[in-house]
Amino acid sequence: MNSPIQTIDKPLSPKGRFGRLAYAAWSFLSAIVFCIVIFILAFIASLFSGNGSEFSDFPFIAILLFIILYIGFLYFSFVFTIRRLHDRNQTGWLSLLIVVPLLNLIFLIYLFCAKGTEGENLYGPSRSTAGWEKVLGWIYIILIPLLLVFGLAANAIPAYQDYIERSQQIQMEYQQYDAE
């Protein structure tokens, strides 16, 4: 098999392979860094907005920094997806499925669940997953269903409470109508 052999693994490069846990870990790590930097930008922008200082243009700069940061986040998301596809012995061009609404969810589930190619493939030798990647990957994998459950509960509980209030109100109106 004629394949490039990497001596040093560069996780931020699209060359090479990521197993399932490495893909989850690096995706989670990039999301954490992105959120922290966005929080810091928002905090700094709130400090400088509206106080008439020479930094009154800072919200514009913060928006520009956000756009640059978001483009970087998207780039690394594509890099991690390409490496994950390489582990499946598939072309990185399939990573463009991320931009297709609804199909991207199915595609991400596929990337998290599909087993990689054993041994060497067209994209290089198998990459061993570091211990910290395994831990961070499992945290991410466990957090995804928990966040979905809590998100659904956060929407369902107020809707149920509203339903109870409306039914009690209707019941009271019915009792008043019945008493007349």
N, C-alpha and C. Protein backbone atom coordinates (compact mmCIF):
# COMPACT_ATOMS: atom_id res chain seq x y z
N MET A 1 0.84 -1.17 0.00
CA MET A 1 0.00 0.00 0.00
C MET A 1 0.89 1.23 0.00
N ASN A 2 0.63 2.15 -0.89
CA ASN A 2 1.42 3.36 -1.00
C ASN A 2 0.74 4.46 -0.20
N SER A 3 1.17 4.67 1.04
CA SER A 3 0.53 5.68 1.88
C SER A 3 1.60 6.49 2.59
N PRO A 4 1.26 7.74 2.88
CA PRO A 4 2.23 8.57 3.60
C PRO A 4 2.32 8.14 5.06
N ILE A 5 3.53 8.00 5.55
CA ILE A 5 3.75 7.63 6.94
C ILE A 5 4.08 8.91 7.70
N GLN A 6 3.31 9.18 8.74
CA GLN A 6 3.55 10.36 9.55
C GLN A 6 4.41 9.97 10.75
N THR A 7 5.43 10.74 11.01
CA THR A 7 6.26 10.47 12.17
C THR A 7 5.75 11.27 13.36
N ILE A 8 5.28 12.50 13.11
CA ILE A 8 4.75 13.34 14.18
C ILE A 8 3.30 13.63 13.85
N ASP A 9 2.42 13.32 14.79
CA ASP A 9 1.01 13.58 14.58
C ASP A 9 0.71 15.03 14.93
N LYS A 10 0.12 15.75 13.99
CA LYS A 10 -0.28 17.13 14.22
C LYS A 10 -1.80 17.16 14.20
N PRO A 11 -2.44 17.18 15.38
CA PRO A 11 -3.91 17.09 15.43
C PRO A 11 -4.65 18.22 14.73
N LEU A 12 -4.01 19.36 14.55
CA LEU A 12 -4.69 20.48 13.91
C LEU A 12 -4.47 20.50 12.40
N SER A 13 -3.89 19.44 11.88
CA SER A 13 -3.68 19.29 10.45
C SER A 13 -4.69 18.30 9.88
N PRO A 14 -5.19 18.53 8.67
CA PRO A 14 -6.16 17.58 8.11
C PRO A 14 -5.55 16.25 7.68
N LYS A 15 -4.23 16.14 7.74
CA LYS A 15 -3.58 14.89 7.37
C LYS A 15 -3.53 13.98 8.58
N GLY A 16 -3.90 12.75 8.37
CA GLY A 16 -3.88 11.78 9.46
C GLY A 16 -5.27 11.29 9.79
N ARG A 17 -5.35 10.58 10.90
CA ARG A 17 -6.59 9.92 11.28
C ARG A 17 -6.96 10.23 12.72
N PHE A 18 -8.27 10.25 12.98
CA PHE A 18 -8.80 10.39 14.34
C PHE A 18 -9.78 9.25 14.58
N GLY A 19 -9.60 8.55 15.67
CA GLY A 19 -10.60 7.58 16.09
C GLY A 19 -11.81 8.30 16.67
N ARG A 20 -12.80 7.51 17.08
CA ARG A 20 -14.04 8.11 17.59
C ARG A 20 -13.81 8.99 18.81
N LEU A 21 -13.06 8.48 19.78
CA LEU A 21 -12.85 9.25 21.01
C LEU A 21 -11.95 10.46 20.77
N ALA A 22 -10.95 10.32 19.91
CA ALA A 22 -10.10 11.48 19.60
C ALA A 22 -10.92 12.56 18.90
N TYR A 23 -11.79 12.14 17.98
CA TYR A 23 -12.66 13.10 17.29
C TYR A 23 -13.57 13.81 18.29
N ALA A 24 -14.17 13.06 19.19
CA ALA A 24 -15.05 13.67 20.20
C ALA A 24 -14.26 14.61 21.10
N ALA A 25 -13.07 14.19 21.52
CA ALA A 25 -12.26 15.01 22.43
C ALA A 25 -11.85 16.32 21.78
N TRP A 26 -11.34 16.26 20.57
CA TRP A 26 -10.88 17.48 19.92
C TRP A 26 -12.04 18.40 19.55
N SER A 27 -13.18 17.82 19.18
CA SER A 27 -14.37 18.64 18.91
C SER A 27 -14.84 19.34 20.17
N PHE A 28 -14.87 18.61 21.27
CA PHE A 28 -15.30 19.16 22.56
C PHE A 28 -14.32 20.24 23.02
N LEU A 29 -13.03 19.97 22.90
CA LEU A 29 -12.02 20.94 23.31
C LEU A 29 -12.13 22.23 22.50
N SER A 30 -12.34 22.11 21.20
CA SER A 30 -12.47 23.31 20.37
C SER A 30 -13.73 24.09 20.74
N ALA A 31 -14.81 23.39 21.06
CA ALA A 31 -16.05 24.07 21.46
C ALA A 31 -15.86 24.79 22.80
N ILE A 32 -15.15 24.18 23.72
CA ILE A 32 -14.89 24.82 25.02
C ILE A 32 -14.06 26.08 24.83
N VAL A 33 -13.00 25.98 24.05
CA VAL A 33 -12.14 27.15 23.80
C VAL A 33 -12.94 28.25 23.11
N PHE A 34 -13.75 27.87 22.12
CA PHE A 34 -14.57 28.85 21.41
C PHE A 34 -15.52 29.56 22.38
N CYS A 35 -16.20 28.82 23.23
CA CYS A 35 -17.14 29.42 24.18
C CYS A 35 -16.43 30.34 25.18
N ILE A 36 -15.27 29.93 25.66
CA ILE A 36 -14.54 30.77 26.62
C ILE A 36 -14.11 32.07 25.97
N VAL A 37 -13.58 32.00 24.76
CA VAL A 37 -13.13 33.22 24.08
C VAL A 37 -14.32 34.12 23.75
N ILE A 38 -15.45 33.55 23.35
CA ILE A 38 -16.64 34.35 23.07
C ILE A 38 -17.12 35.03 24.35
N PHE A 39 -17.11 34.31 25.46
CA PHE A 39 -17.53 34.89 26.73
C PHE A 39 -16.61 36.05 27.11
N ILE A 40 -15.32 35.89 26.93
CA ILE A 40 -14.36 36.96 27.24
C ILE A 40 -14.59 38.16 26.32
N LEU A 41 -14.81 37.91 25.02
CA LEU A 41 -15.09 39.01 24.09
C LEU A 41 -16.37 39.74 24.48
N ALA A 42 -17.40 39.01 24.84
CA ALA A 42 -18.67 39.65 25.22
C ALA A 42 -18.51 40.46 26.49
N PHE A 43 -17.73 39.95 27.43
CA PHE A 43 -17.50 40.67 28.68
C PHE A 43 -16.73 41.97 28.42
N ILE A 44 -15.68 41.88 27.63
CA ILE A 44 -14.88 43.07 27.32
C ILE A 44 -15.72 44.07 26.53
N ALA A 45 -16.53 43.58 25.58
CA ALA A 45 -17.39 44.49 24.80
C ALA A 45 -18.40 45.19 25.69
N SER A 46 -18.92 44.48 26.69
CA SER A 46 -19.89 45.12 27.60
C SER A 46 -19.22 46.17 28.47
N LEU A 47 -17.95 46.02 28.78
CA LEU A 47 -17.24 47.01 29.57
C LEU A 47 -17.04 48.32 28.80
N PHE A 48 -16.77 48.20 27.49
CA PHE A 48 -16.42 49.37 26.70
C PHE A 48 -17.59 49.98 25.95
N SER A 49 -18.73 49.35 25.96
CA SER A 49 -19.84 49.88 25.16
C SER A 49 -20.58 50.97 25.91
N GLY A 50 -20.83 52.06 25.23
CA GLY A 50 -21.70 53.11 25.73
C GLY A 50 -21.14 54.03 26.79
N ASN A 51 -19.86 54.03 27.09
CA ASN A 51 -19.36 54.96 28.10
C ASN A 51 -18.59 56.13 27.49
N GLY A 52 -18.69 56.32 26.18
CA GLY A 52 -18.11 57.49 25.52
C GLY A 52 -16.61 57.54 25.49
N SER A 53 -15.94 56.43 25.70
CA SER A 53 -14.48 56.44 25.68
C SER A 53 -13.98 56.29 24.25
N GLU A 54 -12.67 56.30 24.11
CA GLU A 54 -12.09 56.14 22.78
C GLU A 54 -12.31 54.73 22.25
N PHE A 55 -12.80 53.83 23.10
CA PHE A 55 -13.06 52.45 22.69
C PHE A 55 -14.52 52.25 22.30
N SER A 56 -15.21 53.32 21.91
CA SER A 56 -16.62 53.21 21.56
C SER A 56 -16.84 52.34 20.33
N ASP A 57 -15.81 52.15 19.52
CA ASP A 57 -15.91 51.27 18.36
C ASP A 57 -15.58 49.82 18.72
N PHE A 58 -15.36 49.54 19.99
CA PHE A 58 -14.97 48.18 20.38
C PHE A 58 -16.03 47.14 20.05
N PRO A 59 -17.34 47.41 20.21
CA PRO A 59 -18.32 46.38 19.81
C PRO A 59 -18.16 45.97 18.35
N PHE A 60 -17.85 46.91 17.47
CA PHE A 60 -17.60 46.55 16.08
C PHE A 60 -16.38 45.64 15.97
N ILE A 61 -15.34 45.98 16.71
CA ILE A 61 -14.13 45.15 16.72
C ILE A 61 -14.43 43.78 17.30
N ALA A 62 -15.26 43.74 18.35
CA ALA A 62 -15.64 42.46 18.96
C ALA A 62 -16.41 41.59 17.97
N ILE A 63 -17.30 42.21 17.19
CA ILE A 63 -18.04 41.46 16.18
C ILE A 63 -17.08 40.93 15.11
N LEU A 64 -16.15 41.76 14.70
CA LEU A 64 -15.16 41.33 13.72
C LEU A 64 -14.31 40.17 14.28
N LEU A 65 -13.90 40.29 15.53
CA LEU A 65 -13.15 39.20 16.17
C LEU A 65 -13.99 37.93 16.28
N PHE A 66 -15.27 38.10 16.58
CA PHE A 66 -16.17 36.95 16.65
C PHE A 66 -16.25 36.24 15.31
N ILE A 67 -16.38 37.01 14.23
CA ILE A 67 -16.46 36.41 12.90
C ILE A 67 -15.18 35.65 12.57
N ILE A 68 -14.04 36.25 12.87
CA ILE A 68 -12.75 35.60 12.63
C ILE A 68 -12.64 34.33 13.47
N LEU A 69 -13.03 34.42 14.73
CA LEU A 69 -12.99 33.25 15.62
C LEU A 69 -13.92 32.15 15.13
N TYR A 70 -15.10 32.53 14.67
CA TYR A 70 -16.07 31.54 14.17
C TYR A 70 -15.55 30.84 12.93
N ILE A 71 -14.90 31.59 12.05
CA ILE A 71 -14.31 30.98 10.85
C ILE A 71 -13.22 29.99 11.26
N GLY A 72 -12.41 30.36 12.26
CA GLY A 72 -11.40 29.44 12.78
C GLY A 72 -12.02 28.19 13.38
N PHE A 73 -13.10 28.38 14.14
CA PHE A 73 -13.81 27.24 14.73
C PHE A 73 -14.34 26.31 13.64
N LEU A 74 -14.94 26.88 12.60
CA LEU A 74 -15.43 26.07 11.49
C LEU A 74 -14.30 25.33 10.79
N TYR A 75 -13.17 26.02 10.61
CA TYR A 75 -12.02 25.38 9.96
C TYR A 75 -11.59 24.15 10.75
N PHE A 76 -11.44 24.31 12.07
CA PHE A 76 -11.00 23.17 12.87
C PHE A 76 -12.06 22.09 12.94
N SER A 77 -13.33 22.46 12.89
CA SER A 77 -14.39 21.44 12.84
C SER A 77 -14.26 20.61 11.57
N PHE A 78 -13.97 21.28 10.46
CA PHE A 78 -13.76 20.54 9.21
C PHE A 78 -12.50 19.69 9.28
N VAL A 79 -11.44 20.21 9.88
CA VAL A 79 -10.20 19.43 10.01
C VAL A 79 -10.46 18.15 10.81
N PHE A 80 -11.14 18.28 11.93
CA PHE A 80 -11.41 17.10 12.77
C PHE A 80 -12.31 16.11 12.04
N THR A 81 -13.28 16.62 11.30
CA THR A 81 -14.18 15.74 10.55
C THR A 81 -13.43 15.04 9.43
N ILE A 82 -12.55 15.75 8.75
CA ILE A 82 -11.74 15.13 7.69
C ILE A 82 -10.88 14.02 8.27
N ARG A 83 -10.25 14.27 9.40
CA ARG A 83 -9.41 13.23 10.02
C ARG A 83 -10.24 12.02 10.44
N ARG A 84 -11.46 12.29 10.90
CA ARG A 84 -12.34 11.18 11.30
C ARG A 84 -12.75 10.37 10.07
N LEU A 85 -13.04 11.06 8.97
CA LEU A 85 -13.37 10.36 7.73
C LEU A 85 -12.17 9.57 7.21
N HIS A 86 -10.98 10.10 7.37
CA HIS A 86 -9.77 9.37 6.97
C HIS A 86 -9.64 8.08 7.77
N ASP A 87 -10.04 8.11 9.04
CA ASP A 87 -9.98 6.90 9.85
C ASP A 87 -10.95 5.84 9.31
N ARG A 88 -12.00 6.27 8.65
CA ARG A 88 -12.96 5.36 8.03
C ARG A 88 -12.54 5.00 6.61
N ASN A 89 -11.36 5.49 6.17
CA ASN A 89 -10.84 5.27 4.82
C ASN A 89 -11.77 5.89 3.77
N GLN A 90 -12.29 7.09 4.11
CA GLN A 90 -13.16 7.83 3.21
C GLN A 90 -12.54 9.19 2.94
N THR A 91 -12.93 9.77 1.83
CA THR A 91 -12.39 11.07 1.44
C THR A 91 -12.88 12.18 2.36
N GLY A 92 -12.04 13.18 2.54
CA GLY A 92 -12.40 14.32 3.38
C GLY A 92 -13.46 15.20 2.77
N TRP A 93 -13.73 15.04 1.48
CA TRP A 93 -14.75 15.85 0.83
C TRP A 93 -16.13 15.58 1.41
N LEU A 94 -16.31 14.43 2.01
CA LEU A 94 -17.59 14.12 2.65
C LEU A 94 -17.87 15.04 3.83
N SER A 95 -16.84 15.72 4.32
CA SER A 95 -17.04 16.64 5.44
C SER A 95 -17.97 17.79 5.07
N LEU A 96 -18.17 18.03 3.79
CA LEU A 96 -19.09 19.08 3.34
C LEU A 96 -20.54 18.76 3.70
N LEU A 97 -20.81 17.51 4.08
CA LEU A 97 -22.16 17.16 4.51
C LEU A 97 -22.55 17.88 5.80
N ILE A 98 -21.57 18.44 6.50
CA ILE A 98 -21.85 19.18 7.73
C ILE A 98 -22.71 20.40 7.44
N VAL A 99 -22.62 20.97 6.26
CA VAL A 99 -23.36 22.20 5.96
C VAL A 99 -24.79 21.93 5.47
N VAL A 100 -25.18 20.67 5.32
CA VAL A 100 -26.53 20.33 4.87
C VAL A 100 -27.41 20.15 6.10
N PRO A 101 -28.43 21.01 6.28
CA PRO A 101 -29.29 20.91 7.46
C PRO A 101 -29.96 19.53 7.56
N LEU A 102 -30.13 19.07 8.77
CA LEU A 102 -30.71 17.78 9.15
C LEU A 102 -29.82 16.61 8.77
N LEU A 103 -29.29 16.61 7.57
CA LEU A 103 -28.36 15.55 7.19
C LEU A 103 -27.10 15.62 8.05
N ASN A 104 -26.73 16.84 8.48
CA ASN A 104 -25.53 16.99 9.30
C ASN A 104 -25.68 16.28 10.64
N LEU A 105 -26.87 16.23 11.20
CA LEU A 105 -27.07 15.51 12.47
C LEU A 105 -26.87 14.01 12.29
N ILE A 106 -27.42 13.47 11.22
CA ILE A 106 -27.24 12.04 10.92
C ILE A 106 -25.77 11.75 10.65
N PHE A 107 -25.13 12.65 9.92
CA PHE A 107 -23.72 12.49 9.59
C PHE A 107 -22.85 12.51 10.85
N LEU A 108 -23.14 13.42 11.79
CA LEU A 108 -22.37 13.48 13.03
C LEU A 108 -22.58 12.23 13.88
N ILE A 109 -23.80 11.71 13.92
CA ILE A 109 -24.05 10.45 14.64
C ILE A 109 -23.24 9.33 14.00
N TYR A 110 -23.22 9.32 12.67
CA TYR A 110 -22.41 8.33 11.95
C TYR A 110 -20.94 8.44 12.33
N LEU A 111 -20.42 9.66 12.38
CA LEU A 111 -19.00 9.84 12.71
C LEU A 111 -18.68 9.40 14.12
N PHE A 112 -19.61 9.63 15.05
CA PHE A 112 -19.38 9.21 16.43
C PHE A 112 -19.50 7.70 16.61
N CYS A 113 -20.31 7.04 15.78
CA CYS A 113 -20.61 5.63 16.00
C CYS A 113 -19.82 4.66 15.11
N ALA A 114 -19.48 5.08 13.89
CA ALA A 114 -18.84 4.17 12.94
C ALA A 114 -17.41 3.86 13.37
N LYS A 115 -17.10 2.59 13.33
CA LYS A 115 -15.76 2.16 13.70
C LYS A 115 -14.77 2.47 12.58
N GLY A 116 -13.55 2.82 12.97
CA GLY A 116 -12.51 3.14 12.00
C GLY A 116 -11.91 1.90 11.37
N THR A 117 -11.11 2.11 10.34
CA THR A 117 -10.42 1.02 9.67
C THR A 117 -9.31 0.48 10.56
N GLU A 118 -9.23 -0.81 10.67
CA GLU A 118 -8.16 -1.44 11.44
C GLU A 118 -6.84 -1.33 10.68
N GLY A 119 -5.77 -1.06 11.40
CA GLY A 119 -4.45 -0.99 10.78
C GLY A 119 -4.29 0.19 9.85
N GLU A 120 -3.44 0.01 8.86
CA GLU A 120 -3.12 1.09 7.93
C GLU A 120 -4.14 1.14 6.80
N ASN A 121 -4.48 2.36 6.36
CA ASN A 121 -5.35 2.51 5.21
C ASN A 121 -4.74 3.54 4.27
N LEU A 122 -5.51 4.06 3.32
CA LEU A 122 -5.00 5.01 2.34
C LEU A 122 -4.48 6.30 2.96
N TYR A 123 -4.92 6.60 4.18
CA TYR A 123 -4.58 7.88 4.80
C TYR A 123 -3.54 7.76 5.92
N GLY A 124 -2.94 6.62 6.02
CA GLY A 124 -1.86 6.46 6.98
C GLY A 124 -2.14 5.37 8.00
N PRO A 125 -1.19 5.21 8.92
CA PRO A 125 -1.36 4.19 9.95
C PRO A 125 -2.40 4.63 10.99
N SER A 126 -2.88 3.64 11.71
CA SER A 126 -3.84 3.91 12.76
C SER A 126 -3.20 4.76 13.85
N ARG A 127 -3.93 5.69 14.39
CA ARG A 127 -3.42 6.60 15.42
C ARG A 127 -3.93 6.14 16.77
N SER A 128 -3.05 6.01 17.72
CA SER A 128 -3.50 5.63 19.06
C SER A 128 -4.08 6.86 19.76
N THR A 129 -5.14 6.64 20.51
CA THR A 129 -5.82 7.71 21.21
C THR A 129 -5.16 7.92 22.56
N ALA A 130 -4.76 9.16 22.84
CA ALA A 130 -4.11 9.48 24.11
C ALA A 130 -5.12 9.34 25.26
N GLY A 131 -4.60 9.17 26.46
CA GLY A 131 -5.46 8.99 27.63
C GLY A 131 -6.37 10.18 27.87
N TRP A 132 -5.85 11.39 27.75
CA TRP A 132 -6.68 12.57 27.98
C TRP A 132 -7.76 12.69 26.92
N GLU A 133 -7.47 12.22 25.69
CA GLU A 133 -8.48 12.24 24.63
C GLU A 133 -9.61 11.27 24.95
N LYS A 134 -9.25 10.12 25.51
CA LYS A 134 -10.29 9.15 25.89
C LYS A 134 -11.21 9.73 26.96
N VAL A 135 -10.62 10.35 27.98
CA VAL A 135 -11.41 10.91 29.07
C VAL A 135 -12.30 12.04 28.55
N LEU A 136 -11.72 12.98 27.82
CA LEU A 136 -12.48 14.12 27.31
C LEU A 136 -13.53 13.66 26.29
N GLY A 137 -13.20 12.67 25.49
CA GLY A 137 -14.16 12.12 24.52
C GLY A 137 -15.35 11.49 25.21
N TRP A 138 -15.11 10.70 26.27
CA TRP A 138 -16.22 10.08 26.99
C TRP A 138 -17.07 11.13 27.71
N ILE A 139 -16.43 12.17 28.23
CA ILE A 139 -17.21 13.25 28.87
C ILE A 139 -18.15 13.87 27.84
N TYR A 140 -17.63 14.13 26.65
CA TYR A 140 -18.45 14.73 25.59
C TYR A 140 -19.57 13.79 25.18
N ILE A 141 -19.25 12.52 25.01
CA ILE A 141 -20.26 11.55 24.59
C ILE A 141 -21.36 11.41 25.64
N ILE A 142 -21.00 11.51 26.90
CA ILE A 142 -22.00 11.42 27.98
C ILE A 142 -22.80 12.72 28.06
N LEU A 143 -22.14 13.85 27.82
CA LEU A 143 -22.83 15.15 27.92
C LEU A 143 -23.89 15.34 26.84
N ILE A 144 -23.67 14.82 25.65
CA ILE A 144 -24.61 15.04 24.54
C ILE A 144 -26.01 14.57 24.90
N PRO A 145 -26.21 13.30 25.32
CA PRO A 145 -27.59 12.89 25.67
C PRO A 145 -28.12 13.61 26.90
N LEU A 146 -27.24 13.91 27.87
CA LEU A 146 -27.70 14.63 29.05
C LEU A 146 -28.22 16.02 28.68
N LEU A 147 -27.49 16.72 27.82
CA LEU A 147 -27.93 18.05 27.39
C LEU A 147 -29.23 17.97 26.61
N LEU A 148 -29.39 16.93 25.81
CA LEU A 148 -30.65 16.76 25.09
C LEU A 148 -31.81 16.53 26.05
N VAL A 149 -31.61 15.67 27.04
CA VAL A 149 -32.66 15.38 28.01
C VAL A 149 -33.00 16.63 28.81
N PHE A 150 -31.98 17.34 29.31
CA PHE A 150 -32.24 18.55 30.09
C PHE A 150 -32.86 19.65 29.22
N GLY A 151 -32.46 19.73 27.96
CA GLY A 151 -33.06 20.71 27.05
C GLY A 151 -34.53 20.42 26.81
N LEU A 152 -34.85 19.14 26.61
CA LEU A 152 -36.26 18.78 26.44
C LEU A 152 -37.04 19.02 27.72
N ALA A 153 -36.44 18.71 28.86
CA ALA A 153 -37.12 18.94 30.14
C ALA A 153 -37.33 20.43 30.38
N ALA A 154 -36.35 21.23 30.01
CA ALA A 154 -36.48 22.68 30.20
C ALA A 154 -37.63 23.25 29.38
N ASN A 155 -37.94 22.63 28.26
CA ASN A 155 -39.08 23.06 27.46
C ASN A 155 -40.38 22.40 27.90
N ALA A 156 -40.30 21.15 28.31
CA ALA A 156 -41.52 20.41 28.64
C ALA A 156 -42.11 20.82 29.99
N ILE A 157 -41.29 21.08 30.98
CA ILE A 157 -41.80 21.41 32.31
C ILE A 157 -42.61 22.70 32.31
N PRO A 158 -42.11 23.82 31.74
CA PRO A 158 -42.96 25.02 31.70
C PRO A 158 -44.23 24.81 30.87
N ALA A 159 -44.15 24.04 29.80
CA ALA A 159 -45.34 23.78 28.99
C ALA A 159 -46.36 22.98 29.80
N TYR A 160 -45.89 22.01 30.58
CA TYR A 160 -46.79 21.23 31.42
C TYR A 160 -47.40 22.10 32.52
N GLN A 161 -46.60 22.97 33.13
CA GLN A 161 -47.13 23.87 34.16
C GLN A 161 -48.17 24.81 33.57
N ASP A 162 -47.95 25.30 32.37
CA ASP A 162 -48.93 26.15 31.70
C ASP A 162 -50.22 25.37 31.43
N TYR A 163 -50.07 24.11 31.03
CA TYR A 163 -51.22 23.25 30.80
C TYR A 163 -52.03 23.06 32.09
N ILE A 164 -51.35 22.84 33.19
CA ILE A 164 -52.02 22.66 34.48
C ILE A 164 -52.77 23.94 34.86
N GLU A 165 -52.13 25.09 34.72
CA GLU A 165 -52.78 26.36 35.05
C GLU A 165 -54.02 26.60 34.19
N ARG A 166 -53.90 26.33 32.89
CA ARG A 166 -55.05 26.53 32.02
C ARG A 166 -56.18 25.56 32.35
N SER A 167 -55.84 24.32 32.65
CA SER A 167 -56.89 23.35 32.99
C SER A 167 -57.57 23.72 34.31
N GLN A 168 -56.80 24.22 35.28
CA GLN A 168 -57.40 24.65 36.54
C GLN A 168 -58.30 25.86 36.31
N GLN A 169 -57.88 26.77 35.47
CA GLN A 169 -58.68 27.95 35.16
C GLN A 169 -59.98 27.55 34.46
N ILE A 170 -59.90 26.65 33.52
CA ILE A 170 -61.09 26.16 32.83
C ILE A 170 -62.02 25.45 33.80
N GLN A 171 -61.42 24.66 34.70
CA GLN A 171 -62.23 23.94 35.69
C GLN A 171 -62.95 24.93 36.61
N MET A 172 -62.28 26.00 37.04
CA MET A 172 -62.91 27.02 37.89
C MET A 172 -64.02 27.74 37.12
N GLU A 173 -63.80 28.06 35.86
CA GLU A 173 -64.84 28.70 35.06
C GLU A 173 -66.04 27.77 34.90
N TYR A 174 -65.78 26.49 34.71
CA TYR A 174 -66.86 25.52 34.58
C TYR A 174 -67.66 25.42 35.87
N GLN A 175 -66.96 25.42 37.01
CA GLN A 175 -67.65 25.36 38.31
C GLN A 175 -68.49 26.61 38.53
N GLN A 176 -67.97 27.79 38.13
CA GLN A 176 -68.75 29.03 38.27
C GLN A 176 -69.97 29.00 37.37
N TYR A 177 -69.81 28.50 36.16
CA TYR A 177 -70.91 28.42 35.22
C TYR A 177 -71.95 27.43 35.73
N ASP A 178 -71.49 26.32 36.32
CA ASP A 178 -72.37 25.29 36.84
C ASP A 178 -73.13 25.80 38.06
N ALA A 179 -72.52 26.68 38.86
CA ALA A 179 -73.15 27.21 40.07
C ALA A 179 -74.25 28.21 39.73
N GLU A 180 -74.17 28.85 38.59
CA GLU A 180 -75.18 29.82 38.19
C GLU A 180 -76.36 29.12 37.70
